[in-house]
PDB file of N, CA and C in Angstrom:
ATOM      1  N   MET A   1       3.647   4.528  27.858  1.00  0.00           N
ATOM      2  CA  MET A   1       4.299   5.208  27.972  1.00  0.00           C
ATOM      3  C   MET A   1       5.115   6.985  27.469  1.00  0.00           C
ATOM      4  N   ASN A   2       5.102   7.377  28.516  1.00  0.00           N
ATOM      5  CA  ASN A   2       5.247   8.428  28.399  1.00  0.00           C
ATOM      6  C   ASN A   2       6.610   8.935  27.230  1.00  0.00           C
ATOM      7  N   LEU A   3       6.703   9.027  25.858  1.00  0.00           N
ATOM      8  CA  LEU A   3       7.818   9.297  24.888  1.00  0.00           C
ATOM      9  C   LEU A   3       8.536  10.975  25.543  1.00  0.00           C
ATOM     10  N   SER A   4       7.745  11.637  25.841  1.00  0.00           N
ATOM     11  CA  SER A   4       9.468  12.668  26.631  1.00  0.00           C
ATOM     12  C   SER A   4       9.429  12.411  28.277  1.00  0.00           C
ATOM     13  N   LEU A   5       9.728  11.151  29.071  1.00  0.00           N
ATOM     14  CA  LEU A   5      10.918  10.480  29.707  1.00  0.00           C
ATOM     15  C   LEU A   5      11.173   9.897  29.042  1.00  0.00           C
ATOM     16  N   ILE A   6      11.478   9.240  28.052  1.00  0.00           N
ATOM     17  CA  ILE A   6      12.477   8.153  27.140  1.00  0.00           C
ATOM     18  C   ILE A   6      13.504   9.780  27.205  1.00  0.00           C
ATOM     19  N   ASP A   7      12.705   9.505  25.998  1.00  0.00           N
ATOM     20  CA  ASP A   7      13.991  11.607  25.131  1.00  0.00           C
ATOM     21  C   ASP A   7      13.100  12.981  25.547  1.00  0.00           C
ATOM     22  N   PRO A   8      13.943  12.845  26.174  1.00  0.00           N
ATOM     23  CA  PRO A   8      13.112  14.994  26.684  1.00  0.00           C
ATOM     24  C   PRO A   8      12.812  15.708  25.672  1.00  0.00           C
ATOM     25  N   PHE A   9      14.183  15.365  24.607  1.00  0.00           N
ATOM     26  CA  PHE A   9      14.841  16.241  23.640  1.00  0.00           C
ATOM     27  C   PHE A   9      13.631  16.224  22.627  1.00  0.00           C
ATOM     28  N   VAL A  10      12.467  15.361  22.530  1.00  0.00           N
ATOM     29  CA  VAL A  10      11.551  15.219  20.914  1.00  0.00           C
ATOM     30  C   VAL A  10      10.258  16.736  21.440  1.00  0.00           C
ATOM     31  N   LEU A  11      10.315  16.717  21.904  1.00  0.00           N
ATOM     32  CA  LEU A  11       9.682  17.745  23.012  1.00  0.00           C
ATOM     33  C   LEU A  11      10.081  19.034  21.486  1.00  0.00           C
ATOM     34  N   SER A  12      11.048  18.846  21.432  1.00  0.00           N
ATOM     35  CA  SER A  12      11.665  20.505  20.947  1.00  0.00           C
ATOM     36  C   SER A  12      11.370  19.797  18.917  1.00  0.00           C
ATOM     37  N   LEU A  13      11.383  18.661  18.590  1.00  0.00           N
ATOM     38  CA  LEU A  13      10.670  18.465  17.434  1.00  0.00           C
ATOM     39  C   LEU A  13       9.583  19.490  17.007  1.00  0.00           C
ATOM     40  N   ASP A  14       9.698  19.019  15.264  1.00  0.00           N
ATOM     41  CA  ASP A  14       9.340  20.235  14.675  1.00  0.00           C
ATOM     42  C   ASP A  14       7.418  19.342  14.471  1.00  0.00           C
ATOM     43  N   TYR A  15       6.997  18.571  15.023  1.00  0.00           N
ATOM     44  CA  TYR A  15       5.727  17.386  14.183  1.00  0.00           C
ATOM     45  C   TYR A  15       3.975  18.219  13.883  1.00  0.00           C
ATOM     46  N   PRO A  16       3.866  17.425  13.378  1.00  0.00           N
ATOM     47  CA  PRO A  16       2.315  18.687  12.546  1.00  0.00           C
ATOM     48  C   PRO A  16       1.715  17.886  13.798  1.00  0.00           C
ATOM     49  N   ASP A  17       0.504  18.641  13.846  1.00  0.00           N
ATOM     50  CA  ASP A  17      -0.558  18.083  14.189  1.00  0.00           C
ATOM     51  C   ASP A  17      -1.664  17.314  13.804  1.00  0.00           C
ATOM     52  N   THR A  18      -1.785  18.139  12.037  1.00  0.00           N
ATOM     53  CA  THR A  18      -3.235  17.112  11.532  1.00  0.00           C
ATOM     54  C   THR A  18      -2.561  16.782  10.315  1.00  0.00           C
ATOM     55  N   ASN A  19      -2.748  17.254   9.114  1.00  0.00           N
ATOM     56  CA  ASN A  19      -2.636  16.287   7.628  1.00  0.00           C
ATOM     57  C   ASN A  19      -2.997  17.452   7.302  1.00  0.00           C
ATOM     58  N   THR A  20      -2.747  18.151   6.320  1.00  0.00           N
ATOM     59  CA  THR A  20      -3.618  18.792   6.022  1.00  0.00           C
ATOM     60  C   THR A  20      -3.647  17.932   4.076  1.00  0.00           C
ATOM     61  N   VAL A  21      -2.995  17.660   3.848  1.00  0.00           N
ATOM     62  CA  VAL A  21      -3.766  17.095   2.155  1.00  0.00           C
ATOM     63  C   VAL A  21      -4.312  16.080   2.089  1.00  0.00           C
ATOM     64  N   SER A  22      -4.931  15.884   0.994  1.00  0.00           N
ATOM     65  CA  SER A  22      -5.859  14.503   0.817  1.00  0.00           C
ATOM     66  C   SER A  22      -6.083  14.458  -0.324  1.00  0.00           C
ATOM     67  N   LEU A  23      -5.807  13.092  -0.922  1.00  0.00           N
ATOM     68  CA  LEU A  23      -5.829  12.466  -1.776  1.00  0.00           C
ATOM     69  C   LEU A  23      -6.822  11.607  -2.202  1.00  0.00           C
ATOM     70  N   ARG A  24      -7.691  11.562  -2.722  1.00  0.00           N
ATOM     71  CA  ARG A  24      -8.364  10.995  -3.344  1.00  0.00           C
ATOM     72  C   ARG A  24      -9.015  10.577  -5.177  1.00  0.00           C
ATOM     73  N   SER A  25      -9.384   8.976  -4.107  1.00  0.00           N
ATOM     74  CA  SER A  25      -9.451   8.434  -6.391  1.00  0.00           C
ATOM     75  C   SER A  25     -10.407   7.269  -6.331  1.00  0.00           C
ATOM     76  N   GLY A  26     -11.663   7.447  -4.814  1.00  0.00           N
ATOM     77  CA  GLY A  26     -12.868   6.627  -4.370  1.00  0.00           C
ATOM     78  C   GLY A  26     -11.982   6.258  -3.062  1.00  0.00           C
ATOM     79  N   HIS A  27     -12.762   5.506  -1.912  1.00  0.00           N
ATOM     80  CA  HIS A  27     -12.893   4.880  -0.690  1.00  0.00           C
ATOM     81  C   HIS A  27     -11.843   3.203  -1.090  1.00  0.00           C
ATOM     82  N   SER A  28     -10.788   4.016   0.053  1.00  0.00           N
ATOM     83  CA  SER A  28     -10.053   2.725  -0.050  1.00  0.00           C
ATOM     84  C   SER A  28      -9.606   2.226   0.888  1.00  0.00           C
ATOM     85  N   THR A  29     -10.174   0.973   1.433  1.00  0.00           N
ATOM     86  CA  THR A  29     -10.468   0.297   2.388  1.00  0.00           C
ATOM     87  C   THR A  29      -8.654  -0.437   3.065  1.00  0.00           C
ATOM     88  N   CYS A  30      -8.163  -0.237   2.470  1.00  0.00           N
ATOM     89  CA  CYS A  30      -6.492   0.005   2.771  1.00  0.00           C
ATOM     90  C   CYS A  30      -5.393   0.542   2.832  1.00  0.00           C
ATOM     91  N   ALA A  31      -3.671   0.840   2.365  1.00  0.00           N
ATOM     92  CA  ALA A  31      -3.613   1.731   2.484  1.00  0.00           C
ATOM     93  C   ALA A  31      -1.929   1.439   3.382  1.00  0.00           C
ATOM     94  N   ARG A  32      -0.737   1.441   1.904  1.00  0.00           N
ATOM     95  CA  ARG A  32       0.571   1.388   2.763  1.00  0.00           C
ATOM     96  C   ARG A  32       1.074   1.885   1.433  1.00  0.00           C
ATOM     97  N   PHE A  33       2.283   2.297   2.213  1.00  0.00           N
ATOM     98  CA  PHE A  33       4.066   3.408   2.069  1.00  0.00           C
ATOM     99  C   PHE A  33       4.798   1.952   1.658  1.00  0.00           C
ATOM    100  N   SER A  34       4.739   2.599   0.660  1.00  0.00           N
ATOM    101  CA  SER A  34       6.464   1.761  -0.188  1.00  0.00           C
ATOM    102  C   SER A  34       7.474   2.235   1.094  1.00  0.00           C
ATOM    103  N   ASN A  35       8.593   1.320   0.378  1.00  0.00           N
ATOM    104  CA  ASN A  35      10.067   1.359   1.688  1.00  0.00           C
ATOM    105  C   ASN A  35      10.524   3.033   1.901  1.00  0.00           C
ATOM    106  N   CYS A  36      10.543   3.585   0.601  1.00  0.00           N
ATOM    107  CA  CYS A  36      11.680   5.295   0.773  1.00  0.00           C
ATOM    108  C   CYS A  36      10.479   5.410   0.991  1.00  0.00           C
ATOM    109  N   GLY A  37       9.503   5.273   0.853  1.00  0.00           N
ATOM    110  CA  GLY A  37       7.933   6.613   1.546  1.00  0.00           C
ATOM    111  C   GLY A  37       7.521   7.529   0.584  1.00  0.00           C
ATOM    112  N   SER A  38       7.994   7.120  -0.726  1.00  0.00           N
ATOM    113  CA  SER A  38       7.548   8.589  -1.617  1.00  0.00           C
ATOM    114  C   SER A  38       5.997   8.146  -2.138  1.00  0.00           C
ATOM    115  N   LEU A  39       5.808   6.696  -2.457  1.00  0.00           N
ATOM    116  CA  LEU A  39       5.285   5.263  -2.741  1.00  0.00           C
ATOM    117  C   LEU A  39       4.321   5.883  -1.759  1.00  0.00           C
ATOM    118  N   LEU A  40       2.560   5.890  -1.872  1.00  0.00           N
ATOM    119  CA  LEU A  40       1.201   5.004  -1.295  1.00  0.00           C
ATOM    120  C   LEU A  40       0.526   4.190  -2.330  1.00  0.00           C
ATOM    121  N   ALA A  41       0.293   2.751  -2.133  1.00  0.00           N
ATOM    122  CA  ALA A  41      -0.617   1.765  -2.584  1.00  0.00           C
ATOM    123  C   ALA A  41      -2.041   2.238  -1.942  1.00  0.00           C
ATOM    124  N   SER A  42      -2.791   2.384  -2.051  1.00  0.00           N
ATOM    125  CA  SER A  42      -4.498   2.327  -1.958  1.00  0.00           C
ATOM    126  C   SER A  42      -5.376   1.439  -2.148  1.00  0.00           C
ATOM    127  N   GLY A  43      -5.328   0.269  -1.370  1.00  0.00           N
ATOM    128  CA  GLY A  43      -6.439  -0.862  -2.603  1.00  0.00           C
ATOM    129  C   GLY A  43      -8.046   0.428  -2.069  1.00  0.00           C
ATOM    130  N   ARG A  44      -8.738  -0.548  -3.348  1.00  0.00           N
ATOM    131  CA  ARG A  44     -10.226   0.069  -2.936  1.00  0.00           C
ATOM    132  C   ARG A  44     -12.024  -1.274  -2.836  1.00  0.00           C
ATOM    133  N   VAL A  45     -12.599  -0.114  -2.551  1.00  0.00           N
ATOM    134  CA  VAL A  45     -13.406  -0.944  -2.812  1.00  0.00           C
ATOM    135  C   VAL A  45     -14.158  -2.558  -4.175  1.00  0.00           C
ATOM    136  N   ASP A  46     -13.562  -1.529  -5.019  1.00  0.00           N
ATOM    137  CA  ASP A  46     -13.505  -1.533  -6.210  1.00  0.00           C
ATOM    138  C   ASP A  46     -12.964  -2.733  -6.849  1.00  0.00           C
ATOM    139  N   GLY A  47     -12.111  -3.614  -5.764  1.00  0.00           N
ATOM    140  CA  GLY A  47     -10.718  -4.261  -6.465  1.00  0.00           C
ATOM    141  C   GLY A  47      -9.532  -2.887  -7.833  1.00  0.00           C
ATOM    142  N   THR A  48      -9.611  -1.865  -7.364  1.00  0.00           N
ATOM    143  CA  THR A  48      -8.811  -1.579  -7.421  1.00  0.00           C
ATOM    144  C   THR A  48      -7.703  -1.205  -6.996  1.00  0.00           C
ATOM    145  N   ILE A  49      -6.698  -0.852  -7.318  1.00  0.00           N
ATOM    146  CA  ILE A  49      -5.505  -0.348  -6.857  1.00  0.00           C
ATOM    147  C   ILE A  49      -4.650   0.414  -7.001  1.00  0.00           C
ATOM    148  N   VAL A  50      -4.063   1.479  -6.251  1.00  0.00           N
ATOM    149  CA  VAL A  50      -4.323   3.175  -7.038  1.00  0.00           C
ATOM    150  C   VAL A  50      -2.835   3.705  -6.299  1.00  0.00           C
ATOM    151  N   ILE A  51      -1.637   3.953  -6.468  1.00  0.00           N
ATOM    152  CA  ILE A  51      -0.252   4.173  -6.725  1.00  0.00           C
ATOM    153  C   ILE A  51       0.069   5.714  -6.427  1.00  0.00           C
ATOM    154  N   PHE A  52      -0.414   5.899  -5.533  1.00  0.00           N
ATOM    155  CA  PHE A  52       0.474   7.701  -5.358  1.00  0.00           C
ATOM    156  C   PHE A  52       1.273   8.120  -5.148  1.00  0.00           C
ATOM    157  N   ASP A  53       2.258   9.310  -5.715  1.00  0.00           N
ATOM    158  CA  ASP A  53       3.340   9.497  -5.948  1.00  0.00           C
ATOM    159  C   ASP A  53       3.267  10.877  -4.354  1.00  0.00           C
ATOM    160  N   VAL A  54       3.939  10.772  -3.869  1.00  0.00           N
ATOM    161  CA  VAL A  54       4.338  11.469  -2.304  1.00  0.00           C
ATOM    162  C   VAL A  54       3.549  12.479  -2.987  1.00  0.00           C
ATOM    163  N   GLU A  55       4.946  13.258  -3.013  1.00  0.00           N
ATOM    164  CA  GLU A  55       6.353  14.484  -4.157  1.00  0.00           C
ATOM    165  C   GLU A  55       5.226  14.878  -4.467  1.00  0.00           C
ATOM    166  N   THR A  56       4.426  14.278  -5.826  1.00  0.00           N
ATOM    167  CA  THR A  56       3.439  15.049  -6.452  1.00  0.00           C
ATOM    168  C   THR A  56       1.783  15.767  -6.040  1.00  0.00           C
ATOM    169  N   LEU A  57       1.448  14.763  -5.304  1.00  0.00           N
ATOM    170  CA  LEU A  57       0.463  14.262  -4.470  1.00  0.00           C
ATOM    171  C   LEU A  57      -0.591  13.704  -5.995  1.00  0.00           C
ATOM    172  N   GLY A  58      -0.194  12.781  -7.135  1.00  0.00           N
ATOM    173  CA  GLY A  58      -0.336  12.648  -8.320  1.00  0.00           C
ATOM    174  C   GLY A  58      -1.001  11.243  -8.216  1.00  0.00           C
ATOM    175  N   VAL A  59      -1.428  10.798  -9.041  1.00  0.00           N
ATOM    176  CA  VAL A  59      -1.869   9.189  -9.297  1.00  0.00           C
ATOM    177  C   VAL A  59      -0.401   8.660 -10.072  1.00  0.00           C
ATOM    178  N   ALA A  60       0.109   7.778 -10.113  1.00  0.00           N
ATOM    179  CA  ALA A  60       1.263   7.278 -11.094  1.00  0.00           C
ATOM    180  C   ALA A  60       0.819   5.614 -11.612  1.00  0.00           C
ATOM    181  N   ARG A  61       0.139   5.204 -10.613  1.00  0.00           N
ATOM    182  CA  ARG A  61      -0.652   4.562 -11.650  1.00  0.00           C
ATOM    183  C   ARG A  61      -1.741   3.805 -11.662  1.00  0.00           C
ATOM    184  N   LYS A  62      -2.237   3.106 -11.690  1.00  0.00           N
ATOM    185  CA  LYS A  62      -3.675   2.583 -11.706  1.00  0.00           C
ATOM    186  C   LYS A  62      -3.725   1.201 -11.832  1.00  0.00           C
ATOM    187  N   LEU A  63      -4.094  -0.232 -11.048  1.00  0.00           N
ATOM    188  CA  LEU A  63      -4.373  -1.576 -11.252  1.00  0.00           C
ATOM    189  C   LEU A  63      -5.176  -2.519 -11.658  1.00  0.00           C
ATOM    190  N   ARG A  64      -5.853  -2.933 -11.899  1.00  0.00           N
ATOM    191  CA  ARG A  64      -6.929  -3.236 -12.532  1.00  0.00           C
ATOM    192  C   ARG A  64      -6.578  -4.903 -12.354  1.00  0.00           C
ATOM    193  N   GLY A  65      -7.185  -5.847 -11.180  1.00  0.00           N
ATOM    194  CA  GLY A  65      -6.864  -7.537 -11.525  1.00  0.00           C
ATOM    195  C   GLY A  65      -7.853  -7.427 -10.587  1.00  0.00           C
ATOM    196  N   HIS A  66      -7.911  -7.635  -9.800  1.00  0.00           N
ATOM    197  CA  HIS A  66      -9.120  -7.690  -8.786  1.00  0.00           C
ATOM    198  C   HIS A  66     -10.798  -7.964  -8.728  1.00  0.00           C
ATOM    199  N   THR A  67     -11.584  -8.364  -8.658  1.00  0.00           N
ATOM    200  CA  THR A  67     -12.747  -8.199  -8.533  1.00  0.00           C
ATOM    201  C   THR A  67     -13.802  -7.533  -7.488  1.00  0.00           C
ATOM    202  N   ARG A  68     -12.782  -7.937  -6.218  1.00  0.00           N
ATOM    203  CA  ARG A  68     -13.409  -7.276  -4.592  1.00  0.00           C
ATOM    204  C   ARG A  68     -13.079  -6.352  -4.914  1.00  0.00           C
ATOM    205  N   GLN A  69     -13.148  -6.045  -3.413  1.00  0.00           N
ATOM    206  CA  GLN A  69     -12.101  -5.294  -2.168  1.00  0.00           C
ATOM    207  C   GLN A  69     -11.223  -6.138  -1.887  1.00  0.00           C
ATOM    208  N   ILE A  70      -9.972  -5.571  -1.847  1.00  0.00           N
ATOM    209  CA  ILE A  70      -8.909  -4.822  -1.703  1.00  0.00           C
ATOM    210  C   ILE A  70      -8.331  -5.319  -0.725  1.00  0.00           C
ATOM    211  N   GLN A  71      -7.890  -6.404   0.410  1.00  0.00           N
ATOM    212  CA  GLN A  71      -7.643  -6.407   2.070  1.00  0.00           C
ATOM    213  C   GLN A  71      -6.737  -6.742   2.162  1.00  0.00           C
ATOM    214  N   SER A  72      -5.565  -6.192   1.490  1.00  0.00           N
ATOM    215  CA  SER A  72      -4.030  -5.999   2.186  1.00  0.00           C
ATOM    216  C   SER A  72      -3.234  -5.862   1.532  1.00  0.00           C
ATOM    217  N   LEU A  73      -2.002  -4.913   1.131  1.00  0.00           N
ATOM    218  CA  LEU A  73      -1.324  -4.653  -0.224  1.00  0.00           C
ATOM    219  C   LEU A  73       0.340  -4.902   0.875  1.00  0.00           C
ATOM    220  N   SER A  74       0.901  -4.887  -0.144  1.00  0.00           N
ATOM    221  CA  SER A  74       3.080  -5.779   0.342  1.00  0.00           C
ATOM    222  C   SER A  74       3.621  -5.020  -0.570  1.00  0.00           C
ATOM    223  N   TRP A  75       4.747  -4.852  -0.270  1.00  0.00           N
ATOM    224  CA  TRP A  75       5.220  -3.618  -1.134  1.00  0.00           C
ATOM    225  C   TRP A  75       6.863  -4.458  -1.159  1.00  0.00           C
ATOM    226  N   SER A  76       7.550  -4.568  -2.492  1.00  0.00           N
ATOM    227  CA  SER A  76       8.449  -5.873  -1.858  1.00  0.00           C
ATOM    228  C   SER A  76       9.470  -4.365  -2.046  1.00  0.00           C
ATOM    229  N   LYS A  77      11.184  -4.613  -0.897  1.00  0.00           N
ATOM    230  CA  LYS A  77      11.781  -4.731  -1.276  1.00  0.00           C
ATOM    231  C   LYS A  77      12.283  -3.296  -1.627  1.00  0.00           C
ATOM    232  N   ASP A  78      12.438  -3.214  -2.647  1.00  0.00           N
ATOM    233  CA  ASP A  78      12.844  -2.233  -3.530  1.00  0.00           C
ATOM    234  C   ASP A  78      11.927  -1.828  -4.326  1.00  0.00           C
ATOM    235  N   GLY A  79      10.278  -1.366  -4.293  1.00  0.00           N
ATOM    236  CA  GLY A  79       9.286  -0.482  -4.102  1.00  0.00           C
ATOM    237  C   GLY A  79       9.402  -1.405  -5.568  1.00  0.00           C
ATOM    238  N   ARG A  80       9.484  -2.702  -6.332  1.00  0.00           N
ATOM    239  CA  ARG A  80       8.957  -2.894  -8.007  1.00  0.00           C
ATOM    240  C   ARG A  80       7.933  -3.646  -7.801  1.00  0.00           C
ATOM    241  N   TYR A  81       7.505  -4.598  -7.001  1.00  0.00           N
ATOM    242  CA  TYR A  81       6.512  -5.117  -7.612  1.00  0.00           C
ATOM    243  C   TYR A  81       5.694  -4.475  -6.135  1.00  0.00           C
ATOM    244  N   LEU A  82       4.674  -5.135  -6.090  1.00  0.00           N
ATOM    245  CA  LEU A  82       3.598  -5.277  -4.984  1.00  0.00           C
ATOM    246  C   LEU A  82       2.304  -6.287  -4.707  1.00  0.00           C
ATOM    247  N   LEU A  83       2.227  -6.626  -4.163  1.00  0.00           N
ATOM    248  CA  LEU A  83       1.347  -8.171  -4.036  1.00  0.00           C
ATOM    249  C   LEU A  83      -0.294  -7.411  -3.048  1.00  0.00           C
ATOM    250  N   SER A  84      -1.147  -7.806  -3.318  1.00  0.00           N
ATOM    251  CA  SER A  84      -2.809  -7.686  -3.447  1.00  0.00           C
ATOM    252  C   SER A  84      -2.850  -9.090  -3.141  1.00  0.00           C
ATOM    253  N   ALA A  85      -4.053  -8.417  -1.939  1.00  0.00           N
ATOM    254  CA  ALA A  85      -5.013  -9.934  -1.436  1.00  0.00           C
ATOM    255  C   ALA A  85      -6.569  -9.513  -1.300  1.00  0.00           C
ATOM    256  N   GLY A  86      -7.377  -9.753  -2.357  1.00  0.00           N
ATOM    257  CA  GLY A  86      -8.633  -8.995  -2.448  1.00  0.00           C
ATOM    258  C   GLY A  86      -9.152 -10.378  -1.616  1.00  0.00           C
ATOM    259  N   GLN A  87     -10.789 -10.246  -1.623  1.00  0.00           N
ATOM    260  CA  GLN A  87     -12.141 -10.888  -1.113  1.00  0.00           C
ATOM    261  C   GLN A  87     -12.320 -11.449  -2.426  1.00  0.00           C
ATOM    262  N   ASP A  88     -11.901 -10.780  -3.125  1.00  0.00           N
ATOM    263  CA  ASP A  88     -12.644 -12.168  -4.441  1.00  0.00           C
ATOM    264  C   ASP A  88     -11.354 -13.473  -4.847  1.00  0.00           C
ATOM    265  N   TRP A  89     -11.267 -14.038  -3.046  1.00  0.00           N
ATOM    266  CA  TRP A  89     -10.386 -15.348  -3.633  1.00  0.00           C
ATOM    267  C   TRP A  89      -8.797 -14.791  -3.742  1.00  0.00           C
ATOM    268  N   GLY A  90      -8.482 -13.977  -4.449  1.00  0.00           N
ATOM    269  CA  GLY A  90      -7.525 -13.803  -5.853  1.00  0.00           C
ATOM    270  C   GLY A  90      -5.855 -12.825  -4.953  1.00  0.00           C
ATOM    271  N   VAL A  91      -5.067 -13.745  -5.114  1.00  0.00           N
ATOM    272  CA  VAL A  91      -3.386 -13.011  -4.866  1.00  0.00           C
ATOM    273  C   VAL A  91      -2.982 -13.044  -5.852  1.00  0.00           C
ATOM    274  N   THR A  92      -2.076 -11.657  -6.020  1.00  0.00           N
ATOM    275  CA  THR A  92      -1.353 -10.906  -7.130  1.00  0.00           C
ATOM    276  C   THR A  92      -0.309  -9.861  -6.881  1.00  0.00           C
ATOM    277  N   ARG A  93       0.863 -11.048  -7.234  1.00  0.00           N
ATOM    278  CA  ARG A  93       1.732 -10.205  -7.236  1.00  0.00           C
ATOM    279  C   ARG A  93       2.550  -9.147  -8.644  1.00  0.00           C
ATOM    280  N   TRP A  94       2.156  -7.875  -8.971  1.00  0.00           N
ATOM    281  CA  TRP A  94       2.836  -6.771  -9.312  1.00  0.00           C
ATOM    282  C   TRP A  94       3.992  -5.988 -10.078  1.00  0.00           C
ATOM    283  N   ASP A  95       4.124  -6.061 -11.299  1.00  0.00           N
ATOM    284  CA  ASP A  95       5.556  -5.769 -11.488  1.00  0.00           C
ATOM    285  C   ASP A  95       5.492  -4.408 -11.597  1.00  0.00           C
ATOM    286  N   LEU A  96       5.633  -2.978 -11.225  1.00  0.00           N
ATOM    287  CA  LEU A  96       4.391  -2.098 -11.023  1.00  0.00           C
ATOM    288  C   LEU A  96       6.003  -0.740 -12.090  1.00  0.00           C
ATOM    289  N   GLU A  97       7.001  -2.083 -12.840  1.00  0.00           N
ATOM    290  CA  GLU A  97       7.369  -0.895 -13.413  1.00  0.00           C
ATOM    291  C   GLU A  97       6.734  -0.670 -14.903  1.00  0.00           C
ATOM    292  N   ARG A  98       6.440  -1.977 -15.036  1.00  0.00           N
ATOM    293  CA  ARG A  98       5.764  -2.106 -16.081  1.00  0.00           C
ATOM    294  C   ARG A  98       3.784  -2.567 -16.331  1.00  0.00           C
ATOM    295  N   GLY A  99       3.858  -2.587 -15.044  1.00  0.00           N
ATOM    296  CA  GLY A  99       2.235  -2.062 -14.394  1.00  0.00           C
ATOM    297  C   GLY A  99       1.107  -4.101 -15.159  1.00  0.00           C
ATOM    298  N   THR A 100       1.767  -4.837 -14.898  1.00  0.00           N
ATOM    299  CA  THR A 100       1.447  -5.970 -15.595  1.00  0.00           C
ATOM    300  C   THR A 100       1.245  -6.948 -14.576  1.00  0.00           C
ATOM    301  N   GLN A 101       0.251  -8.041 -13.820  1.00  0.00           N
ATOM    302  CA  GLN A 101       0.793  -8.670 -13.217  1.00  0.00           C
ATOM    303  C   GLN A 101       1.327  -9.971 -13.852  1.00  0.00           C
ATOM    304  N   GLU A 102       2.452 -10.045 -12.213  1.00  0.00           N
ATOM    305  CA  GLU A 102       3.789 -10.929 -12.558  1.00  0.00           C
ATOM    306  C   GLU A 102       3.420 -12.565 -12.226  1.00  0.00           C
ATOM    307  N   GLY A 103       2.019 -11.712 -11.082  1.00  0.00           N
ATOM    308  CA  GLY A 103       2.256 -14.048 -10.241  1.00  0.00           C
ATOM    309  C   GLY A 103       1.144 -13.827  -9.953  1.00  0.00           C
ATOM    310  N   GLY A 104       0.519 -14.753  -8.954  1.00  0.00           N
ATOM    311  CA  GLY A 104      -0.555 -14.592  -8.242  1.00  0.00           C
ATOM    312  C   GLY A 104      -1.065 -15.651  -8.328  1.00  0.00           C
ATOM    313  N   GLY A 105      -2.349 -16.111  -8.075  1.00  0.00           N
ATOM    314  CA  GLY A 105      -3.451 -16.917  -7.833  1.00  0.00           C
ATOM    315  C   GLY A 105      -4.313 -17.086  -6.912  1.00  0.00           C
ATOM    316  N   ARG A 106      -5.497 -18.137  -7.071  1.00  0.00           N
ATOM    317  CA  ARG A 106      -6.546 -17.884  -6.106  1.00  0.00           C
ATOM    318  C   ARG A 106      -6.482 -18.677  -4.858  1.00  0.00           C
ATOM    319  N   CYS A 107      -6.759 -19.130  -3.827  1.00  0.00           N
ATOM    320  CA  CYS A 107      -7.220 -18.623  -2.132  1.00  0.00           C
ATOM    321  C   CYS A 107      -8.621 -20.177  -2.282  1.00  0.00           C
ATOM    322  N   GLY A 108      -8.548 -21.069  -0.910  1.00  0.00           N
ATOM    323  CA  GLY A 108      -9.415 -21.755  -1.543  1.00  0.00           C
ATOM    324  C   GLY A 108     -10.649 -20.687  -0.247  1.00  0.00           C
ATOM    325  N   GLY A 109     -10.537 -19.400  -0.484  1.00  0.00           N
ATOM    326  CA  GLY A 109     -11.698 -18.411   0.825  1.00  0.00           C
ATOM    327  C   GLY A 109     -10.677 -16.888   0.522  1.00  0.00           C
ATOM    328  N   MET A 110     -11.885 -16.210   1.487  1.00  0.00           N
ATOM    329  CA  MET A 110     -10.747 -14.723   1.301  1.00  0.00           C
ATOM    330  C   MET A 110      -9.875 -14.645   1.796  1.00  0.00           C
ATOM    331  N   ALA A 111      -8.745 -14.277   0.695  1.00  0.00           N
ATOM    332  CA  ALA A 111      -7.435 -13.471   1.123  1.00  0.00           C
ATOM    333  C   ALA A 111      -7.710 -12.252   2.329  1.00  0.00           C
ATOM    334  N   TYR A 112      -7.283 -12.918   3.534  1.00  0.00           N
ATOM    335  CA  TYR A 112      -8.057 -11.869   4.486  1.00  0.00           C
ATOM    336  C   TYR A 112      -5.881 -10.858   4.390  1.00  0.00           C
ATOM    337  N   GLY A 113      -5.129 -11.144   4.111  1.00  0.00           N
ATOM    338  CA  GLY A 113      -4.001 -10.691   4.278  1.00  0.00           C
ATOM    339  C   GLY A 113      -2.943 -11.612   2.904  1.00  0.00           C
ATOM    340  N   ALA A 114      -1.920 -10.401   2.758  1.00  0.00           N
ATOM    341  CA  ALA A 114      -0.688 -11.474   1.970  1.00  0.00           C
ATOM    342  C   ALA A 114       0.400 -10.746   2.815  1.00  0.00           C
ATOM    343  N   GLU A 115       1.543 -11.624   3.053  1.00  0.00           N
ATOM    344  CA  GLU A 115       3.449 -10.511   3.088  1.00  0.00           C
ATOM    345  C   GLU A 115       4.340 -10.818   1.718  1.00  0.00           C
ATOM    346  N   LEU A 116       4.952 -10.456   1.142  1.00  0.00           N
ATOM    347  CA  LEU A 116       6.142 -10.926   0.570  1.00  0.00           C
ATOM    348  C   LEU A 116       7.162 -10.528   1.900  1.00  0.00           C
ATOM    349  N   SER A 117       8.204 -11.585   1.409  1.00  0.00           N
ATOM    350  CA  SER A 117       8.653 -11.501   1.994  1.00  0.00           C
ATOM    351  C   SER A 117       9.863 -10.732   1.897  1.00  0.00           C
ATOM    352  N   PRO A 118      10.458 -10.030   3.713  1.00  0.00           N
ATOM    353  CA  PRO A 118      11.360  -8.746   3.520  1.00  0.00           C
ATOM    354  C   PRO A 118      12.629  -9.539   2.402  1.00  0.00           C
ATOM    355  N   VAL A 119      13.003 -10.640   2.749  1.00  0.00           N
ATOM    356  CA  VAL A 119      14.609 -11.508   2.395  1.00  0.00           C
ATOM    357  C   VAL A 119      14.683 -11.387   1.112  1.00  0.00           C
ATOM    358  N   ASP A 120      13.645 -12.251   0.437  1.00  0.00           N
ATOM    359  CA  ASP A 120      13.298 -12.474  -1.003  1.00  0.00           C
ATOM    360  C   ASP A 120      12.711 -11.554  -1.952  1.00  0.00           C
ATOM    361  N   SER A 121      12.494 -10.662  -1.685  1.00  0.00           N
ATOM    362  CA  SER A 121      11.328  -9.529  -2.410  1.00  0.00           C
ATOM    363  C   SER A 121      11.750  -8.863  -3.409  1.00  0.00           C
TER     364      SER A 121
END
């Protein structure tokens, strides 16, 4: 649907045409912003998860626990926890304040996706 027909004032807003910032830390297979938008989690091919601080464009934390490619990432509502699923058949819940694995387990096959409940997380 044509956005300008819905809201004619949207054309007057100043949106950038391109992204001029690049974050580098290996080949990313998936990425997800935190709910507040200040952090970006990036899952890599080697199983590492890199948390970027969007304001400083620096690496806030690296999480290592998967042995194969990360397939999906899910943030908790408060931004403290991150759930990751990988091709190593593992699902891990990370406590980002401590930088440790809080829980998780192995699936009966490759985990293509996992989501934290928006109510309970």
